[in-house]
Protein backbone atom coordinates (compact mmCIF):
# COMPACT_ATOMS: atom_id res chain seq x y z
CA MET A 1 -20.10 -15.90 1.93
CA ASP A 2 -19.77 -17.66 -1.42
CA GLU A 3 -17.26 -16.76 -4.12
CA ALA A 4 -19.70 -14.77 -6.27
CA GLU A 5 -20.73 -12.62 -3.31
CA LYS A 6 -17.10 -11.99 -2.35
CA LEU A 7 -16.29 -10.83 -5.87
CA ARG A 8 -19.35 -8.57 -5.85
CA ASN A 9 -18.20 -7.05 -2.57
CA LEU A 10 -14.78 -6.24 -3.98
CA GLN A 11 -16.29 -4.68 -7.09
CA ASN A 12 -18.46 -2.49 -4.85
CA ILE A 13 -15.39 -1.38 -2.92
CA ILE A 14 -13.40 -0.44 -6.04
CA HIS A 15 -16.43 1.10 -7.81
CA TYR A 16 -15.87 -0.97 -10.94
CA THR A 17 -18.05 -3.81 -12.21
CA PHE A 18 -16.40 -6.37 -14.46
CA LYS A 19 -18.09 -7.51 -17.63
CA ASP A 20 -15.80 -10.58 -17.50
CA THR A 21 -15.40 -11.76 -13.91
CA ILE A 22 -12.93 -14.42 -15.05
CA LEU A 23 -10.43 -11.57 -15.45
CA LEU A 24 -11.11 -10.43 -11.90
CA ARG A 25 -10.65 -13.93 -10.54
CA GLN A 26 -7.38 -14.31 -12.42
CA ALA A 27 -6.12 -10.99 -11.04
CA LEU A 28 -6.70 -12.34 -7.54
CA THR A 29 -5.08 -15.75 -8.15
CA HIS A 30 -1.61 -16.06 -6.65
CA SER A 31 0.81 -18.59 -8.13
CA SER A 32 0.75 -20.62 -4.88
CA PHE A 33 -2.97 -21.24 -5.41
CA SER A 34 -2.69 -22.04 -9.12
CA ASN A 35 0.12 -24.51 -8.34
CA GLU A 36 -1.87 -26.12 -5.55
CA VAL A 37 -5.01 -26.70 -7.61
CA ARG A 38 -2.98 -27.49 -10.75
CA LEU A 39 -4.13 -24.65 -12.96
CA LYS A 40 -2.15 -23.85 -16.08
CA ARG A 41 0.83 -21.53 -15.58
CA TYR A 42 -0.77 -18.56 -17.26
CA GLN A 43 -3.91 -18.78 -15.11
CA ASN A 44 -2.41 -16.96 -12.14
CA ASN A 45 -2.06 -13.18 -11.89
CA GLU A 46 1.56 -12.77 -13.02
CA ARG A 47 0.80 -11.83 -16.64
CA LEU A 48 -1.88 -9.35 -15.55
CA GLU A 49 0.61 -7.88 -13.09
CA PHE A 50 3.03 -7.30 -15.98
CA LEU A 51 0.34 -5.45 -17.92
CA GLY A 52 -0.94 -3.50 -14.93
CA ASP A 53 2.57 -2.32 -14.08
CA ALA A 54 2.86 -0.67 -17.51
CA VAL A 55 -0.59 0.98 -17.25
CA LEU A 56 0.25 2.24 -13.76
CA GLU A 57 3.56 3.72 -14.89
CA VAL A 58 2.14 5.69 -17.82
CA THR A 59 -0.84 6.93 -15.78
CA THR A 60 1.38 8.01 -12.89
CA SER A 61 3.84 9.67 -15.28
CA GLU A 62 1.05 11.68 -16.92
CA TYR A 63 -0.38 12.69 -13.53
CA LEU A 64 2.97 13.90 -12.21
CA TYR A 65 3.86 15.68 -15.47
CA LEU A 66 0.61 17.67 -15.37
CA GLU A 67 0.56 18.18 -11.59
CA HIS A 68 4.18 19.33 -11.17
CA THR A 69 4.77 21.57 -14.17
CA GLU A 70 8.11 22.96 -12.93
CA MET A 71 9.61 19.74 -11.58
CA LYS A 72 12.71 18.42 -13.35
CA GLU A 73 12.86 15.00 -15.00
CA GLY A 74 15.05 13.50 -12.28
CA GLU A 75 12.71 14.69 -9.53
CA LEU A 76 9.68 13.36 -11.41
CA THR A 77 11.37 9.98 -11.79
CA LYS A 78 12.18 9.84 -8.08
CA LEU A 79 8.64 10.82 -7.09
CA ARG A 80 7.10 8.27 -9.47
CA ALA A 81 9.33 5.56 -8.02
CA SER A 82 8.11 6.36 -4.51
CA ILE A 83 4.48 6.10 -5.63
CA VAL A 84 4.74 2.80 -7.53
CA CYS A 85 7.16 1.03 -5.17
CA GLU A 86 6.09 -2.15 -3.40
CA PRO A 87 5.36 -0.67 0.08
CA SER A 88 3.30 2.17 -1.42
CA LEU A 89 1.18 -0.17 -3.54
CA ALA A 90 0.72 -2.55 -0.60
CA PHE A 91 -0.49 0.39 1.49
CA CYS A 92 -3.04 1.24 -1.22
CA ALA A 93 -4.09 -2.42 -1.51
CA ARG A 94 -4.84 -2.47 2.22
CA THR A 95 -7.18 0.51 1.87
CA ILE A 96 -9.49 -1.70 -0.22
CA GLN A 97 -8.86 -4.85 1.92
CA LEU A 98 -7.48 -6.57 -1.17
CA GLY A 99 -5.73 -9.25 0.88
CA ASP A 100 -9.09 -10.66 1.95
CA TYR A 101 -9.94 -11.50 -1.67
CA ILE A 102 -6.69 -13.06 -2.94
CA TYR A 103 -6.69 -16.78 -3.78
CA LEU A 104 -3.67 -18.22 -1.96
CA GLY A 105 -2.26 -21.71 -1.51
CA LYS A 106 -2.80 -23.11 1.98
CA GLY A 107 0.89 -22.86 2.87
CA GLU A 108 1.19 -19.25 1.71
CA ASP A 109 -2.00 -18.35 3.53
CA ALA A 110 -0.86 -20.02 6.75
CA THR A 111 2.40 -18.06 6.75
CA GLY A 112 0.76 -14.63 6.52
CA GLY A 113 0.72 -14.18 2.75
CA ARG A 114 -2.39 -12.01 2.83
CA HIS A 115 -0.44 -9.36 4.72
CA ARG A 116 2.79 -9.57 2.69
CA ASP A 117 3.70 -6.40 0.77
CA SER A 118 4.93 -8.28 -2.29
CA ILE A 119 1.71 -10.29 -2.69
CA LEU A 120 -0.54 -7.27 -2.11
CA SER A 121 1.34 -4.97 -4.49
CA ASP A 122 1.44 -7.64 -7.21
CA ALA A 123 -2.30 -8.28 -6.85
CA LEU A 124 -3.05 -4.55 -7.08
CA GLU A 125 -1.06 -4.27 -10.33
CA ALA A 126 -2.81 -7.39 -11.65
CA LEU A 127 -6.17 -5.81 -10.80
CA ILE A 128 -5.17 -2.73 -12.81
CA GLY A 129 -4.28 -4.99 -15.73
CA ALA A 130 -7.62 -6.80 -15.47
CA ILE A 131 -9.59 -3.54 -15.43
CA TYR A 132 -7.60 -2.32 -18.45
CA LEU A 133 -8.50 -5.45 -20.45
CA ASP A 134 -12.11 -5.43 -19.29
CA GLY A 135 -12.95 -1.75 -19.56
CA GLY A 136 -10.13 -0.03 -21.42
CA PHE A 137 -7.53 2.55 -20.47
CA ALA A 138 -10.02 5.14 -19.19
CA SER A 139 -11.43 2.69 -16.62
CA ALA A 140 -7.96 1.62 -15.46
CA LYS A 141 -6.86 5.26 -15.22
CA GLN A 142 -9.92 6.12 -13.12
CA PHE A 143 -9.18 3.24 -10.75
CA ILE A 144 -5.53 4.32 -10.37
CA GLU A 145 -6.55 7.93 -9.70
CA ASN A 146 -9.12 6.84 -7.10
CA ILE A 147 -7.02 4.26 -5.26
CA ILE A 148 -3.35 5.20 -5.78
CA LEU A 149 -3.07 8.86 -6.81
CA ASN A 150 -5.68 10.27 -4.43
CA ASP A 151 -4.67 12.18 -1.28
CA MET A 152 -1.01 12.30 -2.29
CA GLU A 153 -0.01 14.76 0.43
CA HIS A 154 -1.28 12.41 3.10
CA LYS A 155 0.49 9.43 1.54
CA LYS A 156 3.76 11.34 1.14
CA LEU A 157 3.60 12.28 4.82
CA PHE A 158 3.09 8.62 5.73
CA PHE A 159 5.88 7.22 3.56
CA ASP A 160 8.39 9.93 4.53
CA SER A 161 7.22 9.95 8.15
CA LYS A 162 10.48 8.89 9.79
CA THR A 163 12.52 11.47 7.90
CA ILE A 164 9.96 14.24 8.47
CA LEU A 165 9.68 13.44 12.19
CA GLN A 166 13.48 13.42 12.55
CA GLU A 167 13.66 16.89 11.00
CA ILE A 168 10.87 18.25 13.23
CA VAL A 169 12.40 16.87 16.41
CA GLN A 170 15.92 18.07 15.59
CA ASN A 171 15.04 21.51 14.21
CA VAL A 172 12.10 22.51 16.38
CA TYR A 173 12.51 20.63 19.65
CA LYS A 174 16.31 20.20 19.62
CA SER A 175 15.84 16.75 21.07
CA LYS A 176 16.81 13.14 20.42
CA LEU A 177 14.40 10.78 18.70
CA THR A 178 14.31 7.07 19.59
CA TYR A 179 12.14 4.06 18.72
CA GLU A 180 11.54 1.38 21.37
CA LEU A 181 10.08 -2.05 20.65
CA ILE A 182 7.54 -2.54 23.44
CA ARG A 183 5.60 -5.59 22.25
CA GLU A 184 6.03 -8.55 19.91
CA GLU A 185 3.09 -10.90 19.39
CA GLY A 186 2.11 -13.86 17.23
CA PRO A 187 3.89 -16.86 15.68
CA ASP A 188 7.14 -16.41 13.76
CA HIS A 189 5.44 -16.45 10.36
CA CYS A 190 2.86 -13.83 11.36
CA LYS A 191 4.41 -11.46 13.89
CA ASN A 192 2.95 -8.13 14.97
CA PHE A 193 5.29 -5.53 16.43
CA THR A 194 4.43 -2.47 18.51
CA VAL A 195 6.91 0.39 18.73
CA LEU A 196 6.91 3.47 20.97
CA VAL A 197 8.42 6.79 19.82
CA ARG A 198 10.27 8.89 22.38
CA MET A 199 11.39 12.49 22.00
CA GLY A 200 14.07 12.76 24.63
CA ALA A 201 12.41 11.41 27.79
CA GLN A 202 8.92 12.23 26.51
CA GLU A 203 6.70 9.48 25.11
CA LEU A 204 4.89 10.38 21.89
CA THR A 205 2.80 7.62 20.26
CA ASN A 206 2.77 3.91 19.48
CA GLY A 207 2.63 2.20 16.09
CA SER A 208 2.03 -1.40 15.04
CA GLY A 209 2.99 -3.42 11.99
CA ARG A 210 3.98 -6.79 10.59
CA THR A 211 7.64 -5.71 10.67
CA LYS A 212 9.58 -3.44 13.04
CA LYS A 213 10.12 -1.01 10.18
CA ALA A 214 6.39 -0.81 9.45
CA ALA A 215 5.62 -0.29 13.15
CA GLU A 216 8.21 2.51 13.36
CA GLN A 217 6.75 4.14 10.25
CA GLU A 218 3.23 4.12 11.67
CA ALA A 219 4.43 5.41 15.04
CA ALA A 220 6.36 8.22 13.34
CA TYR A 221 3.33 9.19 11.27
CA HIS A 222 1.06 9.46 14.33
CA SER A 223 3.78 11.35 16.20
CA ILE A 224 3.92 13.96 13.42
CA LEU A 225 0.16 14.41 13.63
CA LEU A 226 0.40 14.72 17.42
CA LEU A 227 3.14 17.36 17.29
CA ARG A 228 1.30 19.32 14.59
CA GLU A 229 -1.86 19.32 16.69
CA ARG A 230 0.09 20.56 19.71
CA GLN A 231 1.60 23.33 17.61
CA LYS A 232 -1.84 24.42 16.38
CA LYS A 233 -3.11 24.66 19.97
CA SER A 234 -0.09 26.70 21.07
CA ASP A 235 -0.50 29.06 18.11
CA SER A 236 -4.22 29.66 18.74
C-alpha cells in the first residue's frame, strides 16, 4: 500500500477528507521521523498538537457544560481532565488505528512507539489541529464529538473500571479482589502482559495490555461486564 492510499484509508476511517493533505501528513509526523530524514523542526506534529489541544479543550468544555447542567465547576474540571488525559486520548486513537499511520523514526518504531500512549495521544491532538486548519472549527468539533466524546458512559466505565469493580466486589459480594500476572510475552521494548482477576478463590476474566496497569484495567472492565450479565440472569 503506497502513502497516498494509506492516507485515503485514514480519511475514510475518520470521515473527513482533507483539502490539504500536507496538513494530514504533518499531523502524523513524529519528531523522531522528522529528525531522521532531516526535516525542518516545525515540520513535525508538535505545533499542530499545541493547536489541537486548545480546540479539544474548548470543545470538551462546551460539551460538558451543556450536558451536565447542574454539575459544579470543580466537578466539570475533573471530568474534563479525565477525558483529555493521555490514556483516554490514546484509547480513542486506537479506535481509529491511528498508530498504523504515524511516521516514526526507525528506532522509535522498533521500540514499540506505535503503541505508546504519549505518541498516540499527541498524534490525535495534532490531527484535531490539522482538521481545524483545513476545515474550520465546525469540522474539528464534529471529529472530536465522533471520536472522543461519543459513548461517554462506556468510556467512563472503562477508565474507572478498577475502582468500580472494587466497589462491586466489596459491597455486593463481600469478597477480596486480586490481580494475578499470568503471562508476559515479547521483547523488553514491546512487552505484552496478561492479567487474571480473582474474586476470592473465583476466577473472573483475563485482560491484556502493553503494561501491567493496562492489562489490569482491561481485565477489570471485562469482569464488570461479566458480573453485570450474571446479575441480569439472576434477576430475570
